[in-house]
């Protein structure tokens, strides 16, 4: 498995630059300060477009988890197995913050990747696979529901675990959903 993944989540500065290049509206921000904070309020399509514009893509789910677990090690959280040391590696609801924070202010995992647990949830390139009756869902799961990983500043300990995943509608924009890019 050979791939590259962003050391940091994409920041407001980076996304603002992209928005200016492509004549798109700036991403919403919960506070006036933007800069090196992890960008939020980004839909899956906007994240995908950003990555493609610069010759990248969103990571696959397997790539994301392999990187979050420092080459696939059995780690509950990116960088540690201990909930007591999670605060060194992740920005979670234990810190009582109300918005994404600057990327890279916590310790990285063993691969040198920051914020794989906490700060902003991260869009994954793949669709969310449902394992139940497809007739129960009123939308096209392949196109409409995408995967987010990594937990966020609003999340409890369980959602910041490296194996936690959830599907959400691709057009959702939330104060705690961002992304990072990857490449082959």
C-alpha atoms as a PDB file:
ATOM      1  CA  UNK A   1       0.000   0.000   0.000  1.00  0.00           C
ATOM      2  CA  UNK A   2       1.760   3.125  -1.209  1.00  0.00           C
ATOM      3  CA  UNK A   3       0.019   6.458  -0.862  1.00  0.00           C
ATOM      4  CA  UNK A   4       0.557   9.909   0.575  1.00  0.00           C
ATOM      5  CA  UNK A   5      -1.796  11.667   2.953  1.00  0.00           C
ATOM      6  CA  UNK A   6      -1.784  15.253   4.183  1.00  0.00           C
ATOM      7  CA  UNK A   7       0.217  15.904   7.320  1.00  0.00           C
ATOM      8  CA  UNK A   8      -2.503  18.332   8.423  1.00  0.00           C
ATOM      9  CA  UNK A   9      -6.176  18.912   7.809  1.00  0.00           C
ATOM     10  CA  UNK A  10      -6.822  21.534   5.123  1.00  0.00           C
ATOM     11  CA  UNK A  11      -6.888  25.018   6.673  1.00  0.00           C
ATOM     12  CA  UNK A  12      -9.032  28.079   6.115  1.00  0.00           C
ATOM     13  CA  UNK A  13      -6.023  29.810   4.495  1.00  0.00           C
ATOM     14  CA  UNK A  14      -5.677  27.005   1.963  1.00  0.00           C
ATOM     15  CA  UNK A  15      -9.390  26.800   1.252  1.00  0.00           C
ATOM     16  CA  UNK A  16      -9.694  30.595   0.992  1.00  0.00           C
ATOM     17  CA  UNK A  17      -6.901  30.565  -1.612  1.00  0.00           C
ATOM     18  CA  UNK A  18      -8.743  27.853  -3.571  1.00  0.00           C
ATOM     19  CA  UNK A  19     -12.005  29.817  -3.327  1.00  0.00           C
ATOM     20  CA  UNK A  20     -10.335  32.917  -4.744  1.00  0.00           C
ATOM     21  CA  UNK A  21      -8.723  30.932  -7.599  1.00  0.00           C
ATOM     22  CA  UNK A  22     -12.039  29.338  -8.554  1.00  0.00           C
ATOM     23  CA  UNK A  23     -14.304  32.337  -7.858  1.00  0.00           C
ATOM     24  CA  UNK A  24     -16.254  30.505  -5.173  1.00  0.00           C
ATOM     25  CA  UNK A  25     -17.651  31.833  -1.915  1.00  0.00           C
ATOM     26  CA  UNK A  26     -15.431  31.518   1.153  1.00  0.00           C
ATOM     27  CA  UNK A  27     -16.245  28.747   3.593  1.00  0.00           C
ATOM     28  CA  UNK A  28     -18.287  29.794   6.595  1.00  0.00           C
ATOM     29  CA  UNK A  29     -16.453  30.178   9.901  1.00  0.00           C
ATOM     30  CA  UNK A  30     -17.817  30.081  13.449  1.00  0.00           C
ATOM     31  CA  UNK A  31     -15.433  32.883  14.456  1.00  0.00           C
ATOM     32  CA  UNK A  32     -13.692  35.718  12.542  1.00  0.00           C
ATOM     33  CA  UNK A  33     -10.224  34.169  12.875  1.00  0.00           C
ATOM     34  CA  UNK A  34      -9.568  31.803   9.962  1.00  0.00           C
ATOM     35  CA  UNK A  35      -5.903  31.334   9.028  1.00  0.00           C
ATOM     36  CA  UNK A  36      -4.372  28.019  10.071  1.00  0.00           C
ATOM     37  CA  UNK A  37      -7.524  26.625  11.690  1.00  0.00           C
ATOM     38  CA  UNK A  38      -8.899  23.419  10.175  1.00  0.00           C
ATOM     39  CA  UNK A  39     -11.501  24.484   7.634  1.00  0.00           C
ATOM     40  CA  UNK A  40     -15.099  23.513   8.419  1.00  0.00           C
ATOM     41  CA  UNK A  41     -18.544  23.908   6.856  1.00  0.00           C
ATOM     42  CA  UNK A  42     -17.318  22.060   3.765  1.00  0.00           C
ATOM     43  CA  UNK A  43     -19.515  19.607   1.850  1.00  0.00           C
ATOM     44  CA  UNK A  44     -18.085  16.371   0.455  1.00  0.00           C
ATOM     45  CA  UNK A  45     -18.263  17.806  -3.076  1.00  0.00           C
ATOM     46  CA  UNK A  46     -16.351  20.937  -2.064  1.00  0.00           C
ATOM     47  CA  UNK A  47     -13.669  18.860  -0.336  1.00  0.00           C
ATOM     48  CA  UNK A  48     -13.393  16.580  -3.353  1.00  0.00           C
ATOM     49  CA  UNK A  49     -13.185  19.557  -5.732  1.00  0.00           C
ATOM     50  CA  UNK A  50     -10.445  21.188  -3.633  1.00  0.00           C
ATOM     51  CA  UNK A  51      -8.302  18.037  -3.637  1.00  0.00           C
ATOM     52  CA  UNK A  52      -8.771  17.441  -7.378  1.00  0.00           C
ATOM     53  CA  UNK A  53      -7.975  21.078  -8.217  1.00  0.00           C
ATOM     54  CA  UNK A  54      -4.503  20.640  -6.735  1.00  0.00           C
ATOM     55  CA  UNK A  55      -3.915  17.145  -8.192  1.00  0.00           C
ATOM     56  CA  UNK A  56      -4.955  15.168  -5.102  1.00  0.00           C
ATOM     57  CA  UNK A  57      -8.009  13.224  -3.946  1.00  0.00           C
ATOM     58  CA  UNK A  58      -9.808  12.430  -0.732  1.00  0.00           C
ATOM     59  CA  UNK A  59      -8.300   9.413   1.061  1.00  0.00           C
ATOM     60  CA  UNK A  60      -9.935   6.017   0.916  1.00  0.00           C
ATOM     61  CA  UNK A  61     -11.243   4.633   4.168  1.00  0.00           C
ATOM     62  CA  UNK A  62      -8.493   2.000   4.301  1.00  0.00           C
ATOM     63  CA  UNK A  63      -5.789   4.632   3.727  1.00  0.00           C
ATOM     64  CA  UNK A  64      -7.237   6.948   6.348  1.00  0.00           C
ATOM     65  CA  UNK A  65      -7.403   4.252   9.030  1.00  0.00           C
ATOM     66  CA  UNK A  66      -3.966   2.846   8.182  1.00  0.00           C
ATOM     67  CA  UNK A  67      -2.487   6.344   8.545  1.00  0.00           C
ATOM     68  CA  UNK A  68      -4.467   7.169  11.694  1.00  0.00           C
ATOM     69  CA  UNK A  69      -3.219   3.959  13.298  1.00  0.00           C
ATOM     70  CA  UNK A  70       0.441   4.683  12.489  1.00  0.00           C
ATOM     71  CA  UNK A  71       0.765   2.025   9.764  1.00  0.00           C
ATOM     72  CA  UNK A  72      -2.159  -0.052  10.973  1.00  0.00           C
ATOM     73  CA  UNK A  73      -1.120  -0.608  14.587  1.00  0.00           C
ATOM     74  CA  UNK A  74      -3.799  -1.395  17.145  1.00  0.00           C
ATOM     75  CA  UNK A  75      -4.332   2.134  18.430  1.00  0.00           C
ATOM     76  CA  UNK A  76      -7.619   3.284  19.943  1.00  0.00           C
ATOM     77  CA  UNK A  77      -6.793   6.902  19.163  1.00  0.00           C
ATOM     78  CA  UNK A  78      -4.336   8.278  16.659  1.00  0.00           C
ATOM     79  CA  UNK A  79      -1.023   8.347  18.523  1.00  0.00           C
ATOM     80  CA  UNK A  80      -2.099   6.574  21.725  1.00  0.00           C
ATOM     81  CA  UNK A  81      -4.119   3.794  23.279  1.00  0.00           C
ATOM     82  CA  UNK A  82      -4.713   5.699  26.500  1.00  0.00           C
ATOM     83  CA  UNK A  83      -7.701   7.965  26.997  1.00  0.00           C
ATOM     84  CA  UNK A  84      -5.640   9.663  29.713  1.00  0.00           C
ATOM     85  CA  UNK A  85      -3.065  10.837  27.140  1.00  0.00           C
ATOM     86  CA  UNK A  86      -5.585  11.619  24.370  1.00  0.00           C
ATOM     87  CA  UNK A  87      -5.374  15.339  25.185  1.00  0.00           C
ATOM     88  CA  UNK A  88      -1.777  15.360  23.930  1.00  0.00           C
ATOM     89  CA  UNK A  89      -2.856  14.017  20.514  1.00  0.00           C
ATOM     90  CA  UNK A  90      -6.398  15.275  19.923  1.00  0.00           C
ATOM     91  CA  UNK A  91      -8.644  18.299  20.272  1.00  0.00           C
ATOM     92  CA  UNK A  92     -11.872  16.882  21.733  1.00  0.00           C
ATOM     93  CA  UNK A  93     -14.813  18.005  23.832  1.00  0.00           C
ATOM     94  CA  UNK A  94     -12.618  17.507  26.894  1.00  0.00           C
ATOM     95  CA  UNK A  95     -10.995  20.859  26.018  1.00  0.00           C
ATOM     96  CA  UNK A  96     -14.329  22.721  25.877  1.00  0.00           C
ATOM     97  CA  UNK A  97     -13.615  24.574  22.611  1.00  0.00           C
ATOM     98  CA  UNK A  98     -16.379  25.846  20.330  1.00  0.00           C
ATOM     99  CA  UNK A  99     -14.713  25.693  16.907  1.00  0.00           C
ATOM    100  CA  UNK A 100     -11.886  24.010  15.034  1.00  0.00           C
ATOM    101  CA  UNK A 101      -8.414  24.917  16.199  1.00  0.00           C
ATOM    102  CA  UNK A 102      -5.132  25.552  14.403  1.00  0.00           C
ATOM    103  CA  UNK A 103      -3.765  22.407  12.823  1.00  0.00           C
ATOM    104  CA  UNK A 104      -0.649  20.856  14.316  1.00  0.00           C
ATOM    105  CA  UNK A 105      -0.911  22.179  17.876  1.00  0.00           C
ATOM    106  CA  UNK A 106      -1.219  18.674  19.335  1.00  0.00           C
ATOM    107  CA  UNK A 107       1.366  15.913  19.112  1.00  0.00           C
ATOM    108  CA  UNK A 108       1.463  13.913  15.847  1.00  0.00           C
ATOM    109  CA  UNK A 109       1.027  10.159  15.621  1.00  0.00           C
ATOM    110  CA  UNK A 110       4.043   7.954  14.809  1.00  0.00           C
ATOM    111  CA  UNK A 111       3.785   8.850  11.101  1.00  0.00           C
ATOM    112  CA  UNK A 112       4.000  12.575  11.856  1.00  0.00           C
ATOM    113  CA  UNK A 113       0.300  13.163  11.064  1.00  0.00           C
ATOM    114  CA  UNK A 114      -1.644  15.670  13.130  1.00  0.00           C
ATOM    115  CA  UNK A 115      -5.298  15.722  14.199  1.00  0.00           C
ATOM    116  CA  UNK A 116      -6.235  12.287  12.865  1.00  0.00           C
ATOM    117  CA  UNK A 117      -8.303  12.034  16.060  1.00  0.00           C
ATOM    118  CA  UNK A 118     -10.181  15.189  16.963  1.00  0.00           C
ATOM    119  CA  UNK A 119     -10.251  18.791  15.718  1.00  0.00           C
ATOM    120  CA  UNK A 120     -12.417  18.238  12.585  1.00  0.00           C
ATOM    121  CA  UNK A 121     -14.195  15.160  11.311  1.00  0.00           C
ATOM    122  CA  UNK A 122     -12.767  14.263   7.904  1.00  0.00           C
ATOM    123  CA  UNK A 123     -14.506  13.420   4.651  1.00  0.00           C
ATOM    124  CA  UNK A 124     -13.472  10.137   3.029  1.00  0.00           C
ATOM    125  CA  UNK A 125     -13.578   9.622  -0.737  1.00  0.00           C
ATOM    126  CA  UNK A 126     -15.819   6.568  -0.650  1.00  0.00           C
ATOM    127  CA  UNK A 127     -19.553   6.200  -0.171  1.00  0.00           C
ATOM    128  CA  UNK A 128     -20.999   4.741   3.022  1.00  0.00           C
ATOM    129  CA  UNK A 129     -21.915   1.081   2.598  1.00  0.00           C
ATOM    130  CA  UNK A 130     -25.191   0.103   4.224  1.00  0.00           C
ATOM    131  CA  UNK A 131     -25.482  -3.510   5.293  1.00  0.00           C
ATOM    132  CA  UNK A 132     -29.225  -3.658   5.707  1.00  0.00           C
ATOM    133  CA  UNK A 133     -32.314  -3.596   3.504  1.00  0.00           C
ATOM    134  CA  UNK A 134     -31.751  -0.913   0.804  1.00  0.00           C
ATOM    135  CA  UNK A 135     -35.531  -0.409   0.601  1.00  0.00           C
ATOM    136  CA  UNK A 136     -35.441   1.259   4.024  1.00  0.00           C
ATOM    137  CA  UNK A 137     -33.493   4.260   2.716  1.00  0.00           C
ATOM    138  CA  UNK A 138     -35.160   6.922   0.530  1.00  0.00           C
ATOM    139  CA  UNK A 139     -31.936   8.022  -1.168  1.00  0.00           C
ATOM    140  CA  UNK A 140     -29.249   6.607  -3.422  1.00  0.00           C
ATOM    141  CA  UNK A 141     -26.623   5.429  -0.932  1.00  0.00           C
ATOM    142  CA  UNK A 142     -23.838   5.313  -3.517  1.00  0.00           C
ATOM    143  CA  UNK A 143     -24.149   8.995  -4.323  1.00  0.00           C
ATOM    144  CA  UNK A 144     -25.764  10.635  -1.337  1.00  0.00           C
ATOM    145  CA  UNK A 145     -24.154   9.191   1.797  1.00  0.00           C
ATOM    146  CA  UNK A 146     -20.415   9.557   2.366  1.00  0.00           C
ATOM    147  CA  UNK A 147     -18.080   8.524   5.173  1.00  0.00           C
ATOM    148  CA  UNK A 148     -16.585  10.794   7.816  1.00  0.00           C
ATOM    149  CA  UNK A 149     -13.824   9.683  10.191  1.00  0.00           C
ATOM    150  CA  UNK A 150     -11.665  10.956  13.024  1.00  0.00           C
ATOM    151  CA  UNK A 151     -13.917  12.586  15.600  1.00  0.00           C
ATOM    152  CA  UNK A 152     -13.933  16.310  16.301  1.00  0.00           C
ATOM    153  CA  UNK A 153     -13.620  19.025  18.899  1.00  0.00           C
ATOM    154  CA  UNK A 154     -17.299  18.435  19.754  1.00  0.00           C
ATOM    155  CA  UNK A 155     -17.074  14.683  20.102  1.00  0.00           C
ATOM    156  CA  UNK A 156     -16.748  12.347  23.057  1.00  0.00           C
ATOM    157  CA  UNK A 157     -13.972   9.812  23.461  1.00  0.00           C
ATOM    158  CA  UNK A 158     -15.728   7.017  21.564  1.00  0.00           C
ATOM    159  CA  UNK A 159     -16.066   8.941  18.289  1.00  0.00           C
ATOM    160  CA  UNK A 160     -12.414   9.970  18.314  1.00  0.00           C
ATOM    161  CA  UNK A 161     -11.331   6.323  18.131  1.00  0.00           C
ATOM    162  CA  UNK A 162      -9.484   5.282  14.998  1.00  0.00           C
ATOM    163  CA  UNK A 163     -12.067   2.658  14.062  1.00  0.00           C
ATOM    164  CA  UNK A 164     -15.146   4.893  14.461  1.00  0.00           C
ATOM    165  CA  UNK A 165     -16.989   5.731  11.251  1.00  0.00           C
ATOM    166  CA  UNK A 166     -20.326   7.154  10.254  1.00  0.00           C
ATOM    167  CA  UNK A 167     -22.159   7.987   7.058  1.00  0.00           C
ATOM    168  CA  UNK A 168     -23.688  11.383   6.423  1.00  0.00           C
ATOM    169  CA  UNK A 169     -25.286  13.132   3.477  1.00  0.00           C
ATOM    170  CA  UNK A 170     -22.654  14.502   1.122  1.00  0.00           C
ATOM    171  CA  UNK A 171     -24.137  18.003   1.080  1.00  0.00           C
ATOM    172  CA  UNK A 172     -24.034  18.444   4.877  1.00  0.00           C
ATOM    173  CA  UNK A 173     -21.959  21.409   6.030  1.00  0.00           C
ATOM    174  CA  UNK A 174     -21.137  21.363   9.714  1.00  0.00           C
ATOM    175  CA  UNK A 175     -18.959  23.363  12.073  1.00  0.00           C
ATOM    176  CA  UNK A 176     -16.928  20.234  12.762  1.00  0.00           C
ATOM    177  CA  UNK A 177     -16.510  18.581   9.337  1.00  0.00           C
ATOM    178  CA  UNK A 178     -13.355  19.241   7.324  1.00  0.00           C
ATOM    179  CA  UNK A 179     -10.925  17.084   5.340  1.00  0.00           C
ATOM    180  CA  UNK A 180      -7.376  16.301   4.287  1.00  0.00           C
ATOM    181  CA  UNK A 181      -6.125  15.252   0.864  1.00  0.00           C
ATOM    182  CA  UNK A 182      -4.251  12.174  -0.312  1.00  0.00           C
ATOM    183  CA  UNK A 183      -2.510  10.912  -3.460  1.00  0.00           C
ATOM    184  CA  UNK A 184      -1.134   7.712  -4.952  1.00  0.00           C
END
